[in-house]
Amino acid sequence: MSALFNFQSLLLVILLMICTCTYVQSQTSLLDRNKTGVLGIFWKAARIGERLSPYVSLACICMGISLLLPAK
């Protein structure tokens, strides 16, 4: 099933994008504030990861636990 139709998969994709963009921005200067288009979206995701890092990490932990627990 596609990530667009499964809500849990969509949340997982968004969380992984935020975490990856935050890591890439901290390691390189690839994501710049003045970029437009796709790189601008990635910069915004990295900014969310920087400012809301406790909440993003808590969401990642909750998502990991929910994926490890068997579905009934």
N, C-alpha and C. Protein backbone atom coordinates (compact mmCIF):
# COMPACT_ATOMS: atom_id res chain seq x y z
N MET A 1 0.84 -1.17 0.00
CA MET A 1 0.00 0.00 0.00
C MET A 1 0.89 1.25 0.00
N SER A 2 0.49 2.23 -0.70
CA SER A 2 1.25 3.46 -0.82
C SER A 2 1.22 4.26 0.48
N ALA A 3 2.26 5.07 0.70
CA ALA A 3 2.34 5.90 1.91
C ALA A 3 1.28 7.00 1.89
N LEU A 4 0.73 7.29 0.74
CA LEU A 4 -0.29 8.33 0.66
C LEU A 4 -1.63 7.86 1.21
N PHE A 5 -1.87 6.56 1.18
CA PHE A 5 -3.16 6.05 1.60
C PHE A 5 -3.14 5.45 2.99
N ASN A 6 -1.96 5.22 3.55
CA ASN A 6 -1.84 4.67 4.88
C ASN A 6 -1.31 5.79 5.78
N PHE A 7 -2.10 6.20 6.77
CA PHE A 7 -1.75 7.35 7.60
C PHE A 7 -0.47 7.13 8.39
N GLN A 8 -0.28 5.93 8.91
CA GLN A 8 0.93 5.64 9.68
C GLN A 8 2.17 5.72 8.79
N SER A 9 2.08 5.24 7.58
CA SER A 9 3.21 5.32 6.65
C SER A 9 3.50 6.75 6.24
N LEU A 10 2.45 7.55 6.08
CA LEU A 10 2.63 8.96 5.75
C LEU A 10 3.35 9.69 6.87
N LEU A 11 2.95 9.43 8.12
CA LEU A 11 3.64 10.04 9.26
C LEU A 11 5.09 9.60 9.33
N LEU A 12 5.35 8.33 9.04
CA LEU A 12 6.72 7.82 9.04
C LEU A 12 7.57 8.51 7.99
N VAL A 13 7.04 8.71 6.81
CA VAL A 13 7.77 9.39 5.74
C VAL A 13 8.07 10.84 6.12
N ILE A 14 7.10 11.52 6.71
CA ILE A 14 7.31 12.91 7.12
C ILE A 14 8.37 13.00 8.22
N LEU A 15 8.29 12.10 9.21
CA LEU A 15 9.29 12.11 10.29
C LEU A 15 10.69 11.82 9.76
N LEU A 16 10.80 10.85 8.87
CA LEU A 16 12.11 10.54 8.30
C LEU A 16 12.65 11.70 7.47
N MET A 17 11.78 12.39 6.74
CA MET A 17 12.22 13.54 5.96
C MET A 17 12.72 14.66 6.88
N ILE A 18 12.00 14.92 7.96
CA ILE A 18 12.42 15.97 8.89
C ILE A 18 13.77 15.62 9.52
N CYS A 19 13.92 14.38 9.98
CA CYS A 19 15.18 13.97 10.61
C CYS A 19 16.33 13.99 9.62
N THR A 20 16.11 13.53 8.41
CA THR A 20 17.17 13.51 7.40
C THR A 20 17.58 14.92 7.00
N CYS A 21 16.62 15.80 6.80
CA CYS A 21 16.93 17.18 6.41
C CYS A 21 17.68 17.91 7.52
N THR A 22 17.31 17.66 8.77
CA THR A 22 18.00 18.30 9.89
C THR A 22 19.44 17.82 9.95
N TYR A 23 19.66 16.53 9.74
CA TYR A 23 21.02 15.99 9.76
C TYR A 23 21.86 16.55 8.61
N VAL A 24 21.29 16.58 7.42
CA VAL A 24 22.02 17.09 6.25
C VAL A 24 22.38 18.55 6.43
N GLN A 25 21.46 19.34 6.97
CA GLN A 25 21.75 20.76 7.17
C GLN A 25 22.83 20.96 8.23
N SER A 26 22.87 20.12 9.24
CA SER A 26 23.89 20.27 10.27
C SER A 26 25.27 19.84 9.77
N GLN A 27 25.33 18.94 8.80
CA GLN A 27 26.61 18.43 8.31
C GLN A 27 27.14 19.21 7.11
N THR A 28 26.27 19.70 6.26
CA THR A 28 26.70 20.39 5.04
C THR A 28 25.96 21.72 4.91
N SER A 29 26.34 22.47 3.92
CA SER A 29 25.64 23.73 3.64
C SER A 29 24.77 23.58 2.39
N LEU A 30 24.29 22.39 2.16
CA LEU A 30 23.48 22.11 0.97
C LEU A 30 22.13 22.81 1.02
N LEU A 31 21.52 22.83 2.20
CA LEU A 31 20.21 23.45 2.34
C LEU A 31 20.38 24.90 2.77
N ASP A 32 19.96 25.81 1.90
CA ASP A 32 20.12 27.24 2.15
C ASP A 32 18.75 27.88 2.29
N ARG A 33 18.69 28.94 3.06
CA ARG A 33 17.41 29.60 3.31
C ARG A 33 16.84 30.24 2.05
N ASN A 34 17.68 30.70 1.17
CA ASN A 34 17.22 31.45 0.00
C ASN A 34 16.87 30.57 -1.20
N LYS A 35 16.92 29.27 -1.03
CA LYS A 35 16.57 28.37 -2.14
C LYS A 35 15.05 28.32 -2.28
N THR A 36 14.61 28.12 -3.49
CA THR A 36 13.18 27.96 -3.74
C THR A 36 12.94 26.57 -4.31
N GLY A 37 11.72 26.17 -4.31
CA GLY A 37 11.37 24.87 -4.86
C GLY A 37 11.57 23.76 -3.87
N VAL A 38 12.09 22.63 -4.36
CA VAL A 38 12.24 21.43 -3.54
C VAL A 38 13.24 21.66 -2.42
N LEU A 39 14.36 22.30 -2.70
CA LEU A 39 15.35 22.54 -1.65
C LEU A 39 14.81 23.48 -0.58
N GLY A 40 13.91 24.38 -0.94
CA GLY A 40 13.28 25.24 0.05
C GLY A 40 12.38 24.46 0.98
N ILE A 41 11.69 23.45 0.44
CA ILE A 41 10.85 22.59 1.27
C ILE A 41 11.72 21.79 2.23
N PHE A 42 12.85 21.29 1.73
CA PHE A 42 13.76 20.55 2.59
C PHE A 42 14.35 21.44 3.67
N TRP A 43 14.63 22.71 3.35
CA TRP A 43 15.14 23.64 4.35
C TRP A 43 14.09 23.87 5.44
N LYS A 44 12.83 23.99 5.04
CA LYS A 44 11.76 24.18 6.02
C LYS A 44 11.62 22.96 6.92
N ALA A 45 11.77 21.76 6.35
CA ALA A 45 11.71 20.55 7.16
C ALA A 45 12.88 20.50 8.15
N ALA A 46 14.06 20.95 7.71
CA ALA A 46 15.20 20.99 8.61
C ALA A 46 14.99 22.01 9.72
N ARG A 47 14.35 23.10 9.41
CA ARG A 47 14.07 24.13 10.41
C ARG A 47 13.07 23.60 11.45
N ILE A 48 12.09 22.84 11.00
CA ILE A 48 11.15 22.21 11.94
C ILE A 48 11.90 21.25 12.86
N GLY A 49 12.81 20.48 12.29
CA GLY A 49 13.59 19.54 13.09
C GLY A 49 14.48 20.23 14.11
N GLU A 50 15.01 21.41 13.76
CA GLU A 50 15.85 22.15 14.70
C GLU A 50 15.03 22.74 15.83
N ARG A 51 13.95 23.36 15.52
CA ARG A 51 13.17 24.08 16.53
C ARG A 51 12.31 23.17 17.38
N LEU A 52 11.83 22.10 16.83
CA LEU A 52 10.94 21.20 17.56
C LEU A 52 11.62 19.86 17.83
N SER A 53 12.94 19.86 18.04
CA SER A 53 13.67 18.61 18.16
C SER A 53 13.18 17.71 19.30
N PRO A 54 12.80 18.23 20.48
CA PRO A 54 12.28 17.29 21.50
C PRO A 54 10.99 16.60 21.06
N TYR A 55 10.13 17.34 20.40
CA TYR A 55 8.86 16.75 19.95
C TYR A 55 9.07 15.79 18.78
N VAL A 56 9.99 16.13 17.89
CA VAL A 56 10.27 15.24 16.76
C VAL A 56 10.91 13.95 17.26
N SER A 57 11.83 14.04 18.21
CA SER A 57 12.46 12.83 18.74
C SER A 57 11.45 11.98 19.50
N LEU A 58 10.55 12.60 20.24
CA LEU A 58 9.50 11.85 20.92
C LEU A 58 8.57 11.16 19.91
N ALA A 59 8.26 11.86 18.84
CA ALA A 59 7.42 11.26 17.79
C ALA A 59 8.13 10.09 17.12
N CYS A 60 9.46 10.20 16.93
CA CYS A 60 10.22 9.09 16.34
C CYS A 60 10.24 7.88 17.27
N ILE A 61 10.38 8.12 18.57
CA ILE A 61 10.37 7.02 19.53
C ILE A 61 9.00 6.35 19.55
N CYS A 62 7.95 7.14 19.57
CA CYS A 62 6.58 6.57 19.56
C CYS A 62 6.32 5.79 18.28
N MET A 63 6.80 6.31 17.15
CA MET A 63 6.60 5.62 15.87
C MET A 63 7.38 4.30 15.86
N GLY A 64 8.59 4.32 16.39
CA GLY A 64 9.37 3.08 16.46
C GLY A 64 8.72 2.03 17.33
N ILE A 65 8.18 2.45 18.48
CA ILE A 65 7.50 1.50 19.36
C ILE A 65 6.24 0.95 18.69
N SER A 66 5.51 1.81 18.01
CA SER A 66 4.29 1.34 17.35
C SER A 66 4.60 0.38 16.20
N LEU A 67 5.75 0.54 15.58
CA LEU A 67 6.11 -0.37 14.50
C LEU A 67 6.61 -1.71 15.05
N LEU A 68 7.21 -1.69 16.24
CA LEU A 68 7.71 -2.93 16.82
C LEU A 68 6.61 -3.79 17.45
N LEU A 69 5.57 -3.15 17.95
CA LEU A 69 4.48 -3.89 18.56
C LEU A 69 3.62 -4.54 17.47
N PRO A 70 3.24 -5.77 17.68
CA PRO A 70 2.42 -6.43 16.64
C PRO A 70 1.01 -5.84 16.58
N ALA A 71 0.51 -5.74 15.38
CA ALA A 71 -0.85 -5.23 15.17
C ALA A 71 -1.84 -6.35 15.45
N LYS A 72 -2.94 -5.99 16.08
CA LYS A 72 -3.95 -7.00 16.42
C LYS A 72 -5.10 -6.96 15.46
